[in-house]
Amino acid sequence: MDDEIPAGQPAPKPKASDNPDKPRSNRHGRRLQRIREEIERNRTEGPAIPTWVLALTLVLIIAVMTALVVYS
């Protein structure tokens, strides 16, 4: 196997970029950490408005616009 370490050799130390829980100290790492936190928040919190309400609103808007075009 390619991943095996030869006998007598110390194991390589993991890089900071290998740990997704610890953000890197540069700007790119901080941005990635903010993105991860936002994704986690979105997964744990439910939507503020139920999907069926949004769908019904869209259908009503389309119906009103169609009625304006047809009857004007």
Foldseek 3Di string as FASTA:
>chain_A
DVPDDDPPDDDDDDDPVVDLVRFDPDPVSVVSVVVVVVVVVPVVDDDPDDPVVVVVVVVVVVVVVVCVVVVD
